[in-house]
PDB file of all heavy atoms in Angstrom:
ATOM      1  N   THR A   1     -53.333-239.933-114.919  1.00  0.00           N
ATOM      2  CA  THR A   1     -53.569-240.842-116.046  1.00  0.00           C
ATOM      3  C   THR A   1     -54.812-240.365-116.777  1.00  0.00           C
ATOM      4  O   THR A   1     -55.867-240.171-116.149  1.00  0.00           O
ATOM      5  CB  THR A   1     -53.771-242.281-115.547  1.00  0.00           C
ATOM      6  OG1 THR A   1     -52.624-242.681-114.804  1.00  0.00           O
ATOM      7  CG2 THR A   1     -53.947-243.235-116.719  1.00  0.00           C
ATOM      8  N   ALA A   2     -54.696-240.165-118.093  1.00  0.00           N
ATOM      9  CA  ALA A   2     -55.821-239.629-118.862  1.00  0.00           C
ATOM     10  C   ALA A   2     -55.921-240.342-120.204  1.00  0.00           C
ATOM     11  O   ALA A   2     -54.974-240.992-120.670  1.00  0.00           O
ATOM     12  CB  ALA A   2     -55.648-238.121-119.074  1.00  0.00           C
ATOM     13  N   THR A   3     -57.093-240.216-120.844  1.00  0.00           N
ATOM     14  CA  THR A   3     -57.282-240.802-122.179  1.00  0.00           C
ATOM     15  C   THR A   3     -56.459-240.014-123.179  1.00  0.00           C
ATOM     16  O   THR A   3     -56.040-238.886-122.925  1.00  0.00           O
ATOM     17  CB  THR A   3     -58.763-240.758-122.574  1.00  0.00           C
ATOM     18  OG1 THR A   3     -59.198-239.393-122.612  1.00  0.00           O
ATOM     19  CG2 THR A   3     -59.619-241.531-121.573  1.00  0.00           C
ATOM     20  N   GLN A   4     -56.227-240.637-124.317  1.00  0.00           N
ATOM     21  CA  GLN A   4     -55.422-239.986-125.355  1.00  0.00           C
ATOM     22  C   GLN A   4     -56.057-238.685-125.818  1.00  0.00           C
ATOM     23  O   GLN A   4     -55.357-237.741-126.194  1.00  0.00           O
ATOM     24  CB  GLN A   4     -55.233-240.936-126.539  1.00  0.00           C
ATOM     25  CG  GLN A   4     -54.422-242.154-126.172  1.00  0.00           C
ATOM     26  CD  GLN A   4     -54.297-243.145-127.320  1.00  0.00           C
ATOM     27  OE1 GLN A   4     -53.381-243.940-127.347  1.00  0.00           O
ATOM     28  NE2 GLN A   4     -55.219-243.116-128.266  1.00  0.00           N
ATOM     29  N   ASP A   5     -57.398-238.622-125.765  1.00  0.00           N
ATOM     30  CA  ASP A   5     -58.080-237.420-126.250  1.00  0.00           C
ATOM     31  C   ASP A   5     -57.852-236.219-125.330  1.00  0.00           C
ATOM     32  O   ASP A   5     -57.950-235.074-125.767  1.00  0.00           O
ATOM     33  CB  ASP A   5     -59.586-237.687-126.374  1.00  0.00           C
ATOM     34  CG  ASP A   5     -59.885-238.731-127.444  1.00  0.00           C
ATOM     35  OD1 ASP A   5     -59.037-238.894-128.347  1.00  0.00           O
ATOM     36  OD2 ASP A   5     -60.937-239.381-127.357  1.00  0.00           O
ATOM     37  N   HIS A   6     -57.583-236.474-124.052  1.00  0.00           N
ATOM     38  CA  HIS A   6     -57.432-235.384-123.092  1.00  0.00           C
ATOM     39  C   HIS A   6     -55.982-235.181-122.661  1.00  0.00           C
ATOM     40  O   HIS A   6     -55.698-234.451-121.726  1.00  0.00           O
ATOM     41  CB  HIS A   6     -58.292-235.649-121.846  1.00  0.00           C
ATOM     42  CG  HIS A   6     -59.758-235.532-122.083  1.00  0.00           C
ATOM     43  ND1 HIS A   6     -60.531-236.592-122.513  1.00  0.00           N
ATOM     44  CD2 HIS A   6     -60.608-234.463-121.973  1.00  0.00           C
ATOM     45  CE1 HIS A   6     -61.787-236.217-122.637  1.00  0.00           C
ATOM     46  NE2 HIS A   6     -61.861-234.910-122.315  1.00  0.00           N
ATOM     47  N   PHE A   7     -55.078-235.835-123.373  1.00  0.00           N
ATOM     48  CA  PHE A   7     -53.663-235.730-123.021  1.00  0.00           C
ATOM     49  C   PHE A   7     -52.941-234.967-124.124  1.00  0.00           C
ATOM     50  O   PHE A   7     -52.994-235.370-125.294  1.00  0.00           O
ATOM     51  CB  PHE A   7     -53.058-237.136-122.874  1.00  0.00           C
ATOM     52  CG  PHE A   7     -51.733-237.133-122.171  1.00  0.00           C
ATOM     53  CD1 PHE A   7     -51.656-237.357-120.811  1.00  0.00           C
ATOM     54  CD2 PHE A   7     -50.555-236.918-122.867  1.00  0.00           C
ATOM     55  CE1 PHE A   7     -50.432-237.381-120.155  1.00  0.00           C
ATOM     56  CE2 PHE A   7     -49.327-236.924-122.228  1.00  0.00           C
ATOM     57  CZ  PHE A   7     -49.269-237.156-120.858  1.00  0.00           C
ATOM     58  N   ASN A   8     -52.310-233.846-123.786  1.00  0.00           N
ATOM     59  CA  ASN A   8     -51.603-233.055-124.782  1.00  0.00           C
ATOM     60  C   ASN A   8     -50.305-232.526-124.179  1.00  0.00           C
ATOM     61  O   ASN A   8     -49.933-232.870-123.048  1.00  0.00           O
ATOM     62  CB  ASN A   8     -52.488-231.916-125.310  1.00  0.00           C
ATOM     63  CG  ASN A   8     -53.017-231.045-124.182  1.00  0.00           C
ATOM     64  OD1 ASN A   8     -52.257-230.558-123.355  1.00  0.00           O
ATOM     65  ND2 ASN A   8     -54.344-230.875-124.141  1.00  0.00           N
ATOM     66  N   PHE A   9     -49.636-231.669-124.944  1.00  0.00           N
ATOM     67  CA  PHE A   9     -48.314-231.204-124.502  1.00  0.00           C
ATOM     68  C   PHE A   9     -48.396-230.342-123.234  1.00  0.00           C
ATOM     69  O   PHE A   9     -47.401-230.099-122.574  1.00  0.00           O
ATOM     70  CB  PHE A   9     -47.628-230.421-125.634  1.00  0.00           C
ATOM     71  CG  PHE A   9     -48.252-229.082-125.899  1.00  0.00           C
ATOM     72  CD1 PHE A   9     -47.779-227.940-125.277  1.00  0.00           C
ATOM     73  CD2 PHE A   9     -49.313-228.954-126.789  1.00  0.00           C
ATOM     74  CE1 PHE A   9     -48.349-226.711-125.521  1.00  0.00           C
ATOM     75  CE2 PHE A   9     -49.881-227.724-127.030  1.00  0.00           C
ATOM     76  CZ  PHE A   9     -49.404-226.588-126.407  1.00  0.00           C
ATOM     77  N   GLN A  10     -49.622-229.839-122.871  1.00  0.00           N
ATOM     78  CA  GLN A  10     -49.774-229.039-121.656  1.00  0.00           C
ATOM     79  C   GLN A  10     -49.995-229.889-120.406  1.00  0.00           C
ATOM     80  O   GLN A  10     -49.846-229.397-119.292  1.00  0.00           O
ATOM     81  CB  GLN A  10     -50.961-228.079-121.812  1.00  0.00           C
ATOM     82  CG  GLN A  10     -50.750-227.028-122.896  1.00  0.00           C
ATOM     83  CD  GLN A  10     -51.956-226.134-123.060  1.00  0.00           C
ATOM     84  OE1 GLN A  10     -53.077-226.544-122.736  1.00  0.00           O
ATOM     85  NE2 GLN A  10     -51.738-224.936-123.560  1.00  0.00           N
ATOM     86  N   THR A  11     -50.318-231.159-120.607  1.00  0.00           N
ATOM     87  CA  THR A  11     -50.691-232.001-119.466  1.00  0.00           C
ATOM     88  C   THR A  11     -49.541-232.138-118.472  1.00  0.00           C
ATOM     89  O   THR A  11     -49.725-232.038-117.259  1.00  0.00           O
ATOM     90  CB  THR A  11     -51.132-233.385-119.952  1.00  0.00           C
ATOM     91  OG1 THR A  11     -52.224-233.241-120.871  1.00  0.00           O
ATOM     92  CG2 THR A  11     -51.564-234.244-118.774  1.00  0.00           C
ATOM     93  N   LEU A  12     -48.352-232.381-118.986  1.00  0.00           N
ATOM     94  CA  LEU A  12     -47.207-232.552-118.103  1.00  0.00           C
ATOM     95  C   LEU A  12     -46.956-231.282-117.289  1.00  0.00           C
ATOM     96  O   LEU A  12     -46.667-231.339-116.090  1.00  0.00           O
ATOM     97  CB  LEU A  12     -45.962-232.912-118.908  1.00  0.00           C
ATOM     98  CG  LEU A  12     -44.709-233.245-118.075  1.00  0.00           C
ATOM     99  CD1 LEU A  12     -44.965-234.444-117.188  1.00  0.00           C
ATOM    100  CD2 LEU A  12     -43.524-233.504-118.989  1.00  0.00           C
ATOM    101  N   GLY A  13     -47.072-230.123-117.914  1.00  0.00           N
ATOM    102  CA  GLY A  13     -46.899-228.853-117.202  1.00  0.00           C
ATOM    103  C   GLY A  13     -47.961-228.649-116.138  1.00  0.00           C
ATOM    104  O   GLY A  13     -47.681-228.106-115.061  1.00  0.00           O
ATOM    105  N   THR A  14     -49.193-229.121-116.450  1.00  0.00           N
ATOM    106  CA  THR A  14     -50.274-228.998-115.475  1.00  0.00           C
ATOM    107  C   THR A  14     -49.994-229.829-114.228  1.00  0.00           C
ATOM    108  O   THR A  14     -50.174-229.377-113.099  1.00  0.00           O
ATOM    109  CB  THR A  14     -51.603-229.439-116.108  1.00  0.00           C
ATOM    110  OG1 THR A  14     -51.861-228.645-117.271  1.00  0.00           O
ATOM    111  CG2 THR A  14     -52.743-229.276-115.121  1.00  0.00           C
ATOM    112  N   VAL A  15     -49.527-231.064-114.447  1.00  0.00           N
ATOM    113  CA  VAL A  15     -49.203-231.936-113.312  1.00  0.00           C
ATOM    114  C   VAL A  15     -48.034-231.349-112.521  1.00  0.00           C
ATOM    115  O   VAL A  15     -48.020-231.382-111.285  1.00  0.00           O
ATOM    116  CB  VAL A  15     -48.879-233.358-113.805  1.00  0.00           C
ATOM    117  CG1 VAL A  15     -48.440-234.241-112.641  1.00  0.00           C
ATOM    118  CG2 VAL A  15     -50.082-233.957-114.507  1.00  0.00           C
ATOM    119  N   GLN A  16     -47.060-230.837-113.242  1.00  0.00           N
ATOM    120  CA  GLN A  16     -45.917-230.221-112.557  1.00  0.00           C
ATOM    121  C   GLN A  16     -46.368-229.021-111.724  1.00  0.00           C
ATOM    122  O   GLN A  16     -45.904-228.823-110.595  1.00  0.00           O
ATOM    123  CB  GLN A  16     -44.872-229.790-113.577  1.00  0.00           C
ATOM    124  CG  GLN A  16     -43.587-229.271-112.940  1.00  0.00           C
ATOM    125  CD  GLN A  16     -42.537-228.906-113.981  1.00  0.00           C
ATOM    126  OE1 GLN A  16     -42.810-228.948-115.186  1.00  0.00           O
ATOM    127  NE2 GLN A  16     -41.347-228.568-113.521  1.00  0.00           N
ATOM    128  N   ALA A  17     -47.275-228.209-112.265  1.00  0.00           N
ATOM    129  CA  ALA A  17     -47.793-227.057-111.528  1.00  0.00           C
ATOM    130  C   ALA A  17     -48.557-227.508-110.282  1.00  0.00           C
ATOM    131  O   ALA A  17     -48.467-226.874-109.217  1.00  0.00           O
ATOM    132  CB  ALA A  17     -48.694-226.216-112.422  1.00  0.00           C
ATOM    133  N   ALA A  18     -49.305-228.628-110.413  1.00  0.00           N
ATOM    134  CA  ALA A  18     -50.037-229.157-109.256  1.00  0.00           C
ATOM    135  C   ALA A  18     -49.068-229.612-108.173  1.00  0.00           C
ATOM    136  O   ALA A  18     -49.284-229.380-106.975  1.00  0.00           O
ATOM    137  CB  ALA A  18     -50.940-230.304-109.690  1.00  0.00           C
ATOM    138  N   ALA A  19     -47.978-230.288-108.593  1.00  0.00           N
ATOM    139  CA  ALA A  19     -46.965-230.718-107.622  1.00  0.00           C
ATOM    140  C   ALA A  19     -46.327-229.510-106.943  1.00  0.00           C
ATOM    141  O   ALA A  19     -46.051-229.537-105.729  1.00  0.00           O
ATOM    142  CB  ALA A  19     -45.904-231.564-108.315  1.00  0.00           C
ATOM    143  N   GLN A  20     -46.080-228.438-107.698  1.00  0.00           N
ATOM    144  CA  GLN A  20     -45.531-227.215-107.122  1.00  0.00           C
ATOM    145  C   GLN A  20     -46.501-226.573-106.138  1.00  0.00           C
ATOM    146  O   GLN A  20     -46.099-226.034-105.106  1.00  0.00           O
ATOM    147  CB  GLN A  20     -45.186-226.218-108.227  1.00  0.00           C
ATOM    148  CG  GLN A  20     -43.895-226.517-108.961  1.00  0.00           C
ATOM    149  CD  GLN A  20     -42.695-226.316-108.047  1.00  0.00           C
ATOM    150  OE1 GLN A  20     -42.088-227.275-107.568  1.00  0.00           O
ATOM    151  NE2 GLN A  20     -42.359-225.061-107.796  1.00  0.00           N
ATOM    152  N   ALA A  21     -47.799-226.649-106.475  1.00  0.00           N
ATOM    153  CA  ALA A  21     -48.808-226.098-105.564  1.00  0.00           C
ATOM    154  C   ALA A  21     -48.793-226.848-104.234  1.00  0.00           C
ATOM    155  O   ALA A  21     -48.910-226.242-103.158  1.00  0.00           O
ATOM    156  CB  ALA A  21     -50.190-226.179-106.210  1.00  0.00           C
ATOM    157  N   ILE A  22     -48.655-228.168-104.309  1.00  0.00           N
ATOM    158  CA  ILE A  22     -48.553-228.960-103.078  1.00  0.00           C
ATOM    159  C   ILE A  22     -47.309-228.546-102.296  1.00  0.00           C
ATOM    160  O   ILE A  22     -47.340-228.386-101.072  1.00  0.00           O
ATOM    161  CB  ILE A  22     -48.510-230.464-103.405  1.00  0.00           C
ATOM    162  CG1 ILE A  22     -49.834-230.903-104.038  1.00  0.00           C
ATOM    163  CG2 ILE A  22     -48.220-231.280-102.147  1.00  0.00           C
ATOM    164  CD1 ILE A  22     -49.833-232.327-104.539  1.00  0.00           C
ATOM    165  N   TYR A  23     -46.211-228.368-103.009  1.00  0.00           N
ATOM    166  CA  TYR A  23     -44.946-227.955-102.375  1.00  0.00           C
ATOM    167  C   TYR A  23     -45.119-226.628-101.633  1.00  0.00           C
ATOM    168  O   TYR A  23     -44.728-226.490-100.468  1.00  0.00           O
ATOM    169  CB  TYR A  23     -43.866-227.845-103.450  1.00  0.00           C
ATOM    170  CG  TYR A  23     -42.668-227.015-103.069  1.00  0.00           C
ATOM    171  CD1 TYR A  23     -41.661-227.528-102.262  1.00  0.00           C
ATOM    172  CD2 TYR A  23     -42.539-225.699-103.520  1.00  0.00           C
ATOM    173  CE1 TYR A  23     -40.561-226.764-101.906  1.00  0.00           C
ATOM    174  CE2 TYR A  23     -41.442-224.925-103.178  1.00  0.00           C
ATOM    175  CZ  TYR A  23     -40.456-225.460-102.365  1.00  0.00           C
ATOM    176  OH  TYR A  23     -39.371-224.704-102.028  1.00  0.00           O
ATOM    177  N   HIS A  24     -45.715-225.651-102.308  1.00  0.00           N
ATOM    178  CA  HIS A  24     -45.870-224.332-101.690  1.00  0.00           C
ATOM    179  C   HIS A  24     -46.824-224.387-100.496  1.00  0.00           C
ATOM    180  O   HIS A  24     -46.594-223.699 -99.481  1.00  0.00           O
ATOM    181  CB  HIS A  24     -46.365-223.319-102.716  1.00  0.00           C
ATOM    182  CG  HIS A  24     -45.330-222.924-103.718  1.00  0.00           C
ATOM    183  ND1 HIS A  24     -44.154-222.320-103.369  1.00  0.00           N
ATOM    184  CD2 HIS A  24     -45.288-223.053-105.077  1.00  0.00           C
ATOM    185  CE1 HIS A  24     -43.419-222.083-104.452  1.00  0.00           C
ATOM    186  NE2 HIS A  24     -44.088-222.527-105.505  1.00  0.00           N
ATOM    187  N   GLN A  25     -47.883-225.186-100.608  1.00  0.00           N
ATOM    188  CA  GLN A  25     -48.796-225.298 -99.479  1.00  0.00           C
ATOM    189  C   GLN A  25     -48.143-225.995 -98.291  1.00  0.00           C
ATOM    190  O   GLN A  25     -48.415-225.679 -97.137  1.00  0.00           O
ATOM    191  CB  GLN A  25     -50.071-226.040 -99.896  1.00  0.00           C
ATOM    192  CG  GLN A  25     -50.979-225.210-100.787  1.00  0.00           C
ATOM    193  CD  GLN A  25     -52.405-225.733-100.819  1.00  0.00           C
ATOM    194  OE1 GLN A  25     -52.888-226.263 -99.842  1.00  0.00           O
ATOM    195  NE2 GLN A  25     -53.054-225.582-101.963  1.00  0.00           N
ATOM    196  N   LEU A  26     -47.274-226.969 -98.590  1.00  0.00           N
ATOM    197  CA  LEU A  26     -46.537-227.624 -97.512  1.00  0.00           C
ATOM    198  C   LEU A  26     -45.613-226.629 -96.808  1.00  0.00           C
ATOM    199  O   LEU A  26     -45.484-226.644 -95.581  1.00  0.00           O
ATOM    200  CB  LEU A  26     -45.717-228.797 -98.059  1.00  0.00           C
ATOM    201  CG  LEU A  26     -46.493-230.067 -98.391  1.00  0.00           C
ATOM    202  CD1 LEU A  26     -45.571-231.066 -99.085  1.00  0.00           C
ATOM    203  CD2 LEU A  26     -47.085-230.692 -97.138  1.00  0.00           C
ATOM    204  N   ILE A  27     -44.961-225.781 -97.614  1.00  0.00           N
ATOM    205  CA  ILE A  27     -44.089-224.761 -97.031  1.00  0.00           C
ATOM    206  C   ILE A  27     -44.908-223.814 -96.163  1.00  0.00           C
ATOM    207  O   ILE A  27     -44.510-223.467 -95.036  1.00  0.00           O
ATOM    208  CB  ILE A  27     -43.355-223.971 -98.136  1.00  0.00           C
ATOM    209  CG1 ILE A  27     -42.435-224.892 -98.927  1.00  0.00           C
ATOM    210  CG2 ILE A  27     -42.578-222.815 -97.526  1.00  0.00           C
ATOM    211  CD1 ILE A  27     -41.325-225.505 -98.105  1.00  0.00           C
ATOM    212  N   LEU A  28     -46.077-223.402 -96.691  1.00  0.00           N
ATOM    213  CA  LEU A  28     -46.948-222.504 -95.935  1.00  0.00           C
ATOM    214  C   LEU A  28     -47.425-223.175 -94.645  1.00  0.00           C
ATOM    215  O   LEU A  28     -47.453-222.562 -93.581  1.00  0.00           O
ATOM    216  CB  LEU A  28     -48.146-222.095 -96.796  1.00  0.00           C
ATOM    217  CG  LEU A  28     -49.155-221.140 -96.148  1.00  0.00           C
ATOM    218  CD1 LEU A  28     -48.487-219.833 -95.747  1.00  0.00           C
ATOM    219  CD2 LEU A  28     -50.331-220.870 -97.088  1.00  0.00           C
ATOM    220  N   GLN A  29     -47.793-224.462 -94.775  1.00  0.00           N
ATOM    221  CA  GLN A  29     -48.235-225.211 -93.595  1.00  0.00           C
ATOM    222  C   GLN A  29     -47.122-225.277 -92.551  1.00  0.00           C
ATOM    223  O   GLN A  29     -47.354-225.114 -91.347  1.00  0.00           O
ATOM    224  CB  GLN A  29     -48.637-226.625 -94.016  1.00  0.00           C
ATOM    225  CG  GLN A  29     -49.240-227.472 -92.916  1.00  0.00           C
ATOM    226  CD  GLN A  29     -50.753-227.325 -92.863  1.00  0.00           C
ATOM    227  OE1 GLN A  29     -51.325-226.450 -93.517  1.00  0.00           O
ATOM    228  NE2 GLN A  29     -51.390-228.157 -92.075  1.00  0.00           N
ATOM    229  N   GLU A  30     -45.899-225.519 -93.023  1.00  0.00           N
ATOM    230  CA  GLU A  30     -44.757-225.604 -92.121  1.00  0.00           C
ATOM    231  C   GLU A  30     -44.518-224.268 -91.429  1.00  0.00           C
ATOM    232  O   GLU A  30     -44.225-224.213 -90.230  1.00  0.00           O
ATOM    233  CB  GLU A  30     -43.515-226.030 -92.904  1.00  0.00           C
ATOM    234  CG  GLU A  30     -42.281-226.245 -92.050  1.00  0.00           C
ATOM    235  CD  GLU A  30     -41.090-226.713 -92.859  1.00  0.00           C
ATOM    236  OE1 GLU A  30     -41.290-227.215 -93.989  1.00  0.00           O
ATOM    237  OE2 GLU A  30     -39.953-226.572 -92.365  1.00  0.00           O
ATOM    238  N   LEU A  31     -44.661-223.181 -92.193  1.00  0.00           N
ATOM    239  CA  LEU A  31     -44.484-221.854 -91.608  1.00  0.00           C
ATOM    240  C   LEU A  31     -45.560-221.556 -90.566  1.00  0.00           C
ATOM    241  O   LEU A  31     -45.276-220.989 -89.508  1.00  0.00           O
ATOM    242  CB  LEU A  31     -44.513-220.790 -92.705  1.00  0.00           C
ATOM    243  CG  LEU A  31     -43.296-220.735 -93.627  1.00  0.00           C
ATOM    244  CD1 LEU A  31     -43.529-219.740 -94.756  1.00  0.00           C
ATOM    245  CD2 LEU A  31     -42.039-220.353 -92.848  1.00  0.00           C
ATOM    246  N   LEU A  32     -46.807-221.951 -90.878  1.00  0.00           N
ATOM    247  CA  LEU A  32     -47.895-221.716 -89.935  1.00  0.00           C
ATOM    248  C   LEU A  32     -47.687-222.512 -88.647  1.00  0.00           C
ATOM    249  O   LEU A  32     -47.897-222.001 -87.546  1.00  0.00           O
ATOM    250  CB  LEU A  32     -49.241-222.095 -90.574  1.00  0.00           C
ATOM    251  CG  LEU A  32     -49.731-221.175 -91.694  1.00  0.00           C
ATOM    252  CD1 LEU A  32     -50.986-221.742 -92.348  1.00  0.00           C
ATOM    253  CD2 LEU A  32     -50.015-219.774 -91.155  1.00  0.00           C
ATOM    254  N   VAL A  33     -47.269-223.760 -88.808  1.00  0.00           N
ATOM    255  CA  VAL A  33     -46.991-224.591 -87.628  1.00  0.00           C
ATOM    256  C   VAL A  33     -45.855-223.978 -86.815  1.00  0.00           C
ATOM    257  O   VAL A  33     -45.905-223.919 -85.585  1.00  0.00           O
ATOM    258  CB  VAL A  33     -46.642-226.036 -88.046  1.00  0.00           C
ATOM    259  CG1 VAL A  33     -46.113-226.826 -86.858  1.00  0.00           C
ATOM    260  CG2 VAL A  33     -47.863-226.726 -88.638  1.00  0.00           C
ATOM    261  N   GLU A  34     -44.826-223.503 -87.519  1.00  0.00           N
ATOM    262  CA  GLU A  34     -43.680-222.891 -86.836  1.00  0.00           C
ATOM    263  C   GLU A  34     -44.096-221.621 -86.104  1.00  0.00           C
ATOM    264  O   GLU A  34     -43.688-221.375 -84.972  1.00  0.00           O
ATOM    265  CB  GLU A  34     -42.582-222.581 -87.847  1.00  0.00           C
ATOM    266  CG  GLU A  34     -41.306-222.042 -87.221  1.00  0.00           C
ATOM    267  CD  GLU A  34     -40.207-221.798 -88.241  1.00  0.00           C
ATOM    268  OE1 GLU A  34     -40.398-222.139 -89.427  1.00  0.00           O
ATOM    269  OE2 GLU A  34     -39.159-221.279 -87.847  1.00  0.00           O
ATOM    270  N   GLN A  35     -44.938-220.826 -86.786  1.00  0.00           N
ATOM    271  CA  GLN A  35     -45.405-219.594 -86.155  1.00  0.00           C
ATOM    272  C   GLN A  35     -46.263-219.895 -84.931  1.00  0.00           C
ATOM    273  O   GLN A  35     -46.126-219.243 -83.891  1.00  0.00           O
ATOM    274  CB  GLN A  35     -46.192-218.749 -87.156  1.00  0.00           C
ATOM    275  CG  GLN A  35     -45.317-218.092 -88.217  1.00  0.00           C
ATOM    276  CD  GLN A  35     -46.112-217.265 -89.200  1.00  0.00           C
ATOM    277  OE1 GLN A  35     -47.351-217.273 -89.164  1.00  0.00           O
ATOM    278  NE2 GLN A  35     -45.432-216.569 -90.081  1.00  0.00           N
ATOM    279  N   ARG A  36     -47.151-220.890 -85.055  1.00  0.00           N
ATOM    280  CA  ARG A  36     -47.966-221.270 -83.904  1.00  0.00           C
ATOM    281  C   ARG A  36     -47.088-221.758 -82.762  1.00  0.00           C
ATOM    282  O   ARG A  36     -47.320-221.446 -81.596  1.00  0.00           O
ATOM    283  CB  ARG A  36     -48.977-222.355 -84.306  1.00  0.00           C
ATOM    284  CG  ARG A  36     -50.234-221.825 -84.967  1.00  0.00           C
ATOM    285  CD  ARG A  36     -51.332-222.855 -84.950  1.00  0.00           C
ATOM    286  NE  ARG A  36     -50.990-224.017 -85.739  1.00  0.00           N
ATOM    287  CZ  ARG A  36     -51.277-224.179 -87.023  1.00  0.00           C
ATOM    288  NH1 ARG A  36     -51.930-223.216 -87.658  1.00  0.00           N
ATOM    289  NH2 ARG A  36     -50.931-225.269 -87.678  1.00  0.00           N
ATOM    290  N   SER A  37     -46.065-222.535 -83.119  1.00  0.00           N
ATOM    291  CA  SER A  37     -45.145-223.045 -82.101  1.00  0.00           C
ATOM    292  C   SER A  37     -44.416-221.905 -81.415  1.00  0.00           C
ATOM    293  O   SER A  37     -44.249-221.905 -80.188  1.00  0.00           O
ATOM    294  CB  SER A  37     -44.142-224.014 -82.735  1.00  0.00           C
ATOM    295  OG  SER A  37     -43.201-224.453 -81.797  1.00  0.00           O
ATOM    296  N   ILE A  38     -43.975-220.929 -82.212  1.00  0.00           N
ATOM    297  CA  ILE A  38     -43.279-219.772 -81.640  1.00  0.00           C
ATOM    298  C   ILE A  38     -44.204-218.994 -80.724  1.00  0.00           C
ATOM    299  O   ILE A  38     -43.833-218.609 -79.611  1.00  0.00           O
ATOM    300  CB  ILE A  38     -42.729-218.865 -82.759  1.00  0.00           C
ATOM    301  CG1 ILE A  38     -41.598-219.582 -83.514  1.00  0.00           C
ATOM    302  CG2 ILE A  38     -42.227-217.540 -82.190  1.00  0.00           C
ATOM    303  CD1 ILE A  38     -41.116-218.847 -84.739  1.00  0.00           C
ATOM    304  N   LEU A  39     -45.441-218.769 -81.167  1.00  0.00           N
ATOM    305  CA  LEU A  39     -46.405-218.038 -80.348  1.00  0.00           C
ATOM    306  C   LEU A  39     -46.690-218.772 -79.043  1.00  0.00           C
ATOM    307  O   LEU A  39     -46.810-218.159 -77.982  1.00  0.00           O
ATOM    308  CB  LEU A  39     -47.717-217.831 -81.114  1.00  0.00           C
ATOM    309  CG  LEU A  39     -47.704-216.757 -82.200  1.00  0.00           C
ATOM    310  CD1 LEU A  39     -49.034-216.739 -82.939  1.00  0.00           C
ATOM    311  CD2 LEU A  39     -47.422-215.382 -81.617  1.00  0.00           C
ATOM    312  N   GLU A  40     -46.761-220.091 -79.131  1.00  0.00           N
ATOM    313  CA  GLU A  40     -47.058-220.881 -77.932  1.00  0.00           C
ATOM    314  C   GLU A  40     -45.896-220.881 -76.948  1.00  0.00           C
ATOM    315  O   GLU A  40     -46.095-221.024 -75.749  1.00  0.00           O
ATOM    316  CB  GLU A  40     -47.425-222.318 -78.325  1.00  0.00           C
ATOM    317  CG  GLU A  40     -48.782-222.454 -78.978  1.00  0.00           C
ATOM    318  CD  GLU A  40     -49.915-222.025 -78.042  1.00  0.00           C
ATOM    319  OE1 GLU A  40     -50.071-222.630 -76.972  1.00  0.00           O
ATOM    320  OE2 GLU A  40     -50.623-221.060 -78.368  1.00  0.00           O
ATOM    321  N   THR A  41     -44.678-220.766 -77.464  1.00  0.00           N
ATOM    322  CA  THR A  41     -43.514-220.833 -76.574  1.00  0.00           C
ATOM    323  C   THR A  41     -43.031-219.451 -76.134  1.00  0.00           C
ATOM    324  O   THR A  41     -42.115-219.359 -75.328  1.00  0.00           O
ATOM    325  CB  THR A  41     -42.344-221.559 -77.268  1.00  0.00           C
ATOM    326  OG1 THR A  41     -42.042-220.913 -78.516  1.00  0.00           O
ATOM    327  CG2 THR A  41     -42.699-223.013 -77.538  1.00  0.00           C
ATOM    328  N   LEU A  42     -43.645-218.386 -76.653  1.00  0.00           N
ATOM    329  CA  LEU A  42     -43.252-217.035 -76.242  1.00  0.00           C
ATOM    330  C   LEU A  42     -43.500-216.834 -74.755  1.00  0.00           C
ATOM    331  O   LEU A  42     -44.495-217.314 -74.202  1.00  0.00           O
ATOM    332  CB  LEU A  42     -44.044-215.983 -77.024  1.00  0.00           C
ATOM    333  CG  LEU A  42     -43.606-215.672 -78.454  1.00  0.00           C
ATOM    334  CD1 LEU A  42     -44.575-214.676 -79.079  1.00  0.00           C
ATOM    335  CD2 LEU A  42     -42.198-215.106 -78.476  1.00  0.00           C
TER     336      LEU A  42
END
């Protein structure tokens, strides 16, 4: 949520990019957890 002065046509893309960044970090986190789990069960 932003003021009208700081809200433009790029804002939506910025929020979408932030959501994608969270998505990719979650995937990375899941991979790291999986790798740790695999290493622990080897």
